[in-house]
């Protein structure tokens, strides 16, 4: 995360988080993403496949309750349209 923060140079951005290749996650990782992974982000679109990723994404949104606008998508165009409103 520190590389991203340094690269962003204190500027906030909307973020597309592509988890289509992720098969599993642990609680520590989800907590970290919800608390610190959204630093300097305006909004997050989580892009996943409808099978495994959708279940993980829904669970993350319901349990971890990210502090910035965060939605799960299975369609990349819809995810990007959501993020565009935060530019």
N, C-alpha and C. Protein backbone atom coordinates (compact mmCIF):
# COMPACT_ATOMS: atom_id res chain seq x y z
N UNK A 1 0.82 -1.18 0.00
CA UNK A 1 0.00 0.00 0.00
C UNK A 1 0.86 1.25 0.00
N UNK A 2 1.99 1.25 0.69
CA UNK A 2 2.80 2.46 0.76
C UNK A 2 3.28 2.90 -0.62
N UNK A 3 3.53 1.95 -1.52
CA UNK A 3 3.92 2.32 -2.89
C UNK A 3 2.80 3.08 -3.59
N UNK A 4 1.56 2.60 -3.41
CA UNK A 4 0.42 3.27 -4.02
C UNK A 4 0.25 4.67 -3.44
N UNK A 5 0.36 4.81 -2.14
CA UNK A 5 0.21 6.11 -1.48
C UNK A 5 1.28 7.07 -1.99
N UNK A 6 2.50 6.61 -2.07
CA UNK A 6 3.59 7.46 -2.57
C UNK A 6 3.34 7.86 -4.02
N UNK A 7 2.92 6.90 -4.84
CA UNK A 7 2.64 7.17 -6.25
C UNK A 7 1.52 8.20 -6.41
N UNK A 8 0.51 8.11 -5.56
CA UNK A 8 -0.64 9.02 -5.65
C UNK A 8 -0.30 10.43 -5.20
N UNK A 9 0.79 10.62 -4.48
CA UNK A 9 1.24 11.94 -4.09
C UNK A 9 0.13 12.74 -3.38
N UNK A 10 -0.55 12.08 -2.43
CA UNK A 10 -1.61 12.69 -1.60
C UNK A 10 -2.86 13.09 -2.39
N UNK A 11 -3.05 12.49 -3.55
CA UNK A 11 -4.24 12.76 -4.36
C UNK A 11 -5.18 11.55 -4.27
N UNK A 12 -6.47 11.80 -4.08
CA UNK A 12 -7.43 10.70 -4.01
C UNK A 12 -7.92 10.32 -5.41
N UNK A 13 -8.20 9.04 -5.60
CA UNK A 13 -8.66 8.52 -6.88
C UNK A 13 -9.73 7.46 -6.66
N UNK A 14 -10.61 7.27 -7.64
CA UNK A 14 -11.46 6.08 -7.63
C UNK A 14 -10.60 4.89 -8.03
N UNK A 15 -10.90 3.70 -7.48
CA UNK A 15 -10.06 2.53 -7.68
C UNK A 15 -10.88 1.34 -8.17
N UNK A 16 -10.36 0.68 -9.20
CA UNK A 16 -10.93 -0.58 -9.68
C UNK A 16 -10.09 -1.70 -9.08
N UNK A 17 -10.71 -2.55 -8.29
CA UNK A 17 -10.03 -3.67 -7.62
C UNK A 17 -10.48 -4.96 -8.29
N UNK A 18 -9.63 -5.51 -9.15
CA UNK A 18 -9.97 -6.72 -9.92
C UNK A 18 -9.59 -7.96 -9.12
N UNK A 19 -10.61 -8.67 -8.62
CA UNK A 19 -10.37 -9.88 -7.83
C UNK A 19 -10.78 -11.14 -8.58
N UNK A 20 -10.87 -11.06 -9.89
CA UNK A 20 -11.33 -12.22 -10.66
C UNK A 20 -10.44 -13.44 -10.49
N UNK A 21 -9.18 -13.26 -10.14
CA UNK A 21 -8.28 -14.40 -9.96
C UNK A 21 -8.15 -14.86 -8.52
N UNK A 22 -8.79 -14.16 -7.60
CA UNK A 22 -8.68 -14.49 -6.17
C UNK A 22 -9.65 -15.62 -5.84
N UNK A 23 -9.13 -16.65 -5.19
CA UNK A 23 -9.96 -17.81 -4.82
C UNK A 23 -10.41 -17.78 -3.37
N UNK A 24 -9.64 -17.09 -2.51
CA UNK A 24 -9.93 -17.09 -1.09
C UNK A 24 -9.29 -15.87 -0.45
N UNK A 25 -9.77 -15.47 0.71
CA UNK A 25 -9.16 -14.39 1.48
C UNK A 25 -9.34 -14.71 2.96
N UNK A 26 -8.47 -14.12 3.79
CA UNK A 26 -8.63 -14.34 5.23
C UNK A 26 -9.12 -13.05 5.89
N UNK A 27 -9.53 -13.18 7.13
CA UNK A 27 -10.10 -12.04 7.85
C UNK A 27 -9.12 -10.89 7.96
N UNK A 28 -7.87 -11.18 8.25
CA UNK A 28 -6.87 -10.12 8.39
C UNK A 28 -6.73 -9.32 7.09
N UNK A 29 -6.74 -9.99 5.96
CA UNK A 29 -6.64 -9.31 4.68
C UNK A 29 -7.85 -8.45 4.39
N UNK A 30 -9.04 -8.97 4.68
CA UNK A 30 -10.26 -8.20 4.45
C UNK A 30 -10.31 -6.98 5.37
N UNK A 31 -9.93 -7.17 6.64
CA UNK A 31 -9.91 -6.05 7.58
C UNK A 31 -8.92 -4.97 7.12
N UNK A 32 -7.76 -5.39 6.68
CA UNK A 32 -6.75 -4.45 6.21
C UNK A 32 -7.27 -3.66 5.02
N UNK A 33 -7.87 -4.36 4.07
CA UNK A 33 -8.41 -3.68 2.89
C UNK A 33 -9.49 -2.68 3.27
N UNK A 34 -10.38 -3.07 4.18
CA UNK A 34 -11.47 -2.18 4.59
C UNK A 34 -10.97 -0.96 5.35
N UNK A 35 -9.92 -1.12 6.16
CA UNK A 35 -9.45 -0.02 7.00
C UNK A 35 -8.37 0.81 6.33
N UNK A 36 -7.38 0.16 5.75
CA UNK A 36 -6.22 0.88 5.23
C UNK A 36 -6.13 0.88 3.71
N UNK A 37 -6.74 -0.09 3.08
CA UNK A 37 -6.67 -0.20 1.62
C UNK A 37 -7.44 0.90 0.91
N UNK A 38 -8.31 1.57 1.62
CA UNK A 38 -9.09 2.63 1.00
C UNK A 38 -8.52 4.03 1.26
N UNK A 39 -7.34 4.09 1.87
CA UNK A 39 -6.68 5.38 2.10
C UNK A 39 -6.43 6.05 0.75
N UNK A 40 -6.78 7.31 0.64
CA UNK A 40 -6.64 8.11 -0.58
C UNK A 40 -7.44 7.55 -1.76
N UNK A 41 -8.58 6.94 -1.46
CA UNK A 41 -9.48 6.51 -2.53
C UNK A 41 -10.81 7.24 -2.37
N UNK A 42 -11.42 7.58 -3.49
CA UNK A 42 -12.74 8.23 -3.47
C UNK A 42 -13.85 7.20 -3.47
N UNK A 43 -13.62 6.11 -4.19
CA UNK A 43 -14.59 5.03 -4.30
C UNK A 43 -13.85 3.80 -4.81
N UNK A 44 -14.41 2.62 -4.52
CA UNK A 44 -13.81 1.37 -4.98
C UNK A 44 -14.88 0.53 -5.67
N UNK A 45 -14.54 0.08 -6.87
CA UNK A 45 -15.38 -0.89 -7.58
C UNK A 45 -14.63 -2.22 -7.53
N UNK A 46 -15.23 -3.22 -6.92
CA UNK A 46 -14.64 -4.55 -6.85
C UNK A 46 -15.16 -5.33 -8.04
N UNK A 47 -14.26 -5.77 -8.90
CA UNK A 47 -14.63 -6.51 -10.11
C UNK A 47 -14.29 -7.97 -9.91
N UNK A 48 -15.31 -8.82 -9.99
CA UNK A 48 -15.09 -10.25 -9.79
C UNK A 48 -15.94 -11.08 -10.71
N UNK A 49 -15.70 -12.38 -10.70
CA UNK A 49 -16.53 -13.27 -11.50
C UNK A 49 -17.77 -13.66 -10.72
N UNK A 50 -18.81 -14.07 -11.41
CA UNK A 50 -20.08 -14.32 -10.72
C UNK A 50 -20.07 -15.52 -9.77
N UNK A 51 -19.10 -16.40 -9.87
CA UNK A 51 -19.10 -17.59 -9.02
C UNK A 51 -18.49 -17.29 -7.65
N UNK A 52 -17.21 -17.48 -7.50
CA UNK A 52 -16.55 -17.34 -6.20
C UNK A 52 -16.44 -15.88 -5.77
N UNK A 53 -16.03 -15.01 -6.67
CA UNK A 53 -15.76 -13.62 -6.31
C UNK A 53 -17.00 -12.89 -5.80
N UNK A 54 -18.14 -13.19 -6.39
CA UNK A 54 -19.36 -12.49 -5.97
C UNK A 54 -19.69 -12.80 -4.51
N UNK A 55 -19.55 -14.05 -4.12
CA UNK A 55 -19.80 -14.43 -2.73
C UNK A 55 -18.81 -13.74 -1.81
N UNK A 56 -17.52 -13.74 -2.20
CA UNK A 56 -16.50 -13.07 -1.38
C UNK A 56 -16.75 -11.58 -1.31
N UNK A 57 -17.10 -10.96 -2.44
CA UNK A 57 -17.34 -9.52 -2.48
C UNK A 57 -18.52 -9.13 -1.62
N UNK A 58 -19.62 -9.87 -1.73
CA UNK A 58 -20.80 -9.59 -0.91
C UNK A 58 -20.49 -9.73 0.58
N UNK A 59 -19.75 -10.78 0.92
CA UNK A 59 -19.36 -11.01 2.31
C UNK A 59 -18.52 -9.84 2.82
N UNK A 60 -17.54 -9.43 2.03
CA UNK A 60 -16.66 -8.32 2.40
C UNK A 60 -17.46 -7.04 2.65
N UNK A 61 -18.37 -6.72 1.74
CA UNK A 61 -19.15 -5.49 1.87
C UNK A 61 -20.07 -5.53 3.09
N UNK A 62 -20.65 -6.69 3.36
CA UNK A 62 -21.59 -6.82 4.47
C UNK A 62 -20.88 -6.83 5.83
N UNK A 63 -19.77 -7.56 5.92
CA UNK A 63 -19.10 -7.73 7.21
C UNK A 63 -18.10 -6.62 7.51
N UNK A 64 -17.28 -6.26 6.53
CA UNK A 64 -16.20 -5.29 6.77
C UNK A 64 -16.64 -3.84 6.65
N UNK A 65 -17.74 -3.59 5.97
CA UNK A 65 -18.31 -2.25 5.85
C UNK A 65 -17.26 -1.18 5.54
N UNK A 66 -16.73 -1.17 4.32
CA UNK A 66 -15.74 -0.16 3.95
C UNK A 66 -16.26 1.25 4.21
N UNK A 67 -15.34 2.16 4.51
CA UNK A 67 -15.73 3.52 4.89
C UNK A 67 -15.96 4.44 3.69
N UNK A 68 -15.62 4.01 2.50
CA UNK A 68 -15.83 4.82 1.30
C UNK A 68 -16.80 4.06 0.39
N UNK A 69 -17.45 4.73 -0.56
CA UNK A 69 -18.38 4.03 -1.45
C UNK A 69 -17.69 2.84 -2.14
N UNK A 70 -18.23 1.66 -1.93
CA UNK A 70 -17.64 0.44 -2.47
C UNK A 70 -18.77 -0.46 -2.96
N UNK A 71 -18.69 -0.87 -4.22
CA UNK A 71 -19.69 -1.77 -4.80
C UNK A 71 -19.01 -2.92 -5.51
N UNK A 72 -19.71 -4.05 -5.62
CA UNK A 72 -19.21 -5.22 -6.32
C UNK A 72 -19.85 -5.30 -7.70
N UNK A 73 -19.04 -5.62 -8.70
CA UNK A 73 -19.51 -5.74 -10.08
C UNK A 73 -18.97 -7.01 -10.72
N UNK A 74 -19.74 -7.56 -11.66
CA UNK A 74 -19.24 -8.65 -12.50
C UNK A 74 -19.02 -8.17 -13.92
N UNK A 75 -19.41 -6.94 -14.20
CA UNK A 75 -19.24 -6.35 -15.53
C UNK A 75 -18.29 -5.16 -15.42
N UNK A 76 -17.18 -5.21 -16.17
CA UNK A 76 -16.16 -4.16 -16.07
C UNK A 76 -16.68 -2.80 -16.51
N UNK A 77 -17.50 -2.75 -17.54
CA UNK A 77 -18.04 -1.47 -18.01
C UNK A 77 -18.90 -0.81 -16.94
N UNK A 78 -19.71 -1.61 -16.24
CA UNK A 78 -20.54 -1.06 -15.16
C UNK A 78 -19.67 -0.56 -14.01
N UNK A 79 -18.62 -1.29 -13.70
CA UNK A 79 -17.70 -0.88 -12.63
C UNK A 79 -17.05 0.44 -12.98
N UNK A 80 -16.59 0.57 -14.21
CA UNK A 80 -15.94 1.82 -14.64
C UNK A 80 -16.93 2.98 -14.68
N UNK A 81 -18.18 2.71 -15.05
CA UNK A 81 -19.21 3.76 -15.05
C UNK A 81 -19.46 4.26 -13.62
N UNK A 82 -19.50 3.35 -12.67
CA UNK A 82 -19.64 3.72 -11.26
C UNK A 82 -18.49 4.63 -10.82
N UNK A 83 -17.27 4.24 -11.16
CA UNK A 83 -16.08 5.00 -10.76
C UNK A 83 -16.01 6.37 -11.45
N UNK A 84 -16.51 6.43 -12.67
CA UNK A 84 -16.45 7.69 -13.44
C UNK A 84 -17.14 8.83 -12.71
N UNK A 85 -18.19 8.49 -11.96
CA UNK A 85 -18.91 9.55 -11.23
C UNK A 85 -18.07 10.13 -10.08
N UNK A 86 -16.94 9.52 -9.76
CA UNK A 86 -16.06 10.01 -8.69
C UNK A 86 -14.81 10.69 -9.21
N UNK A 87 -14.73 10.92 -10.53
CA UNK A 87 -13.57 11.62 -11.08
C UNK A 87 -13.65 13.11 -10.84
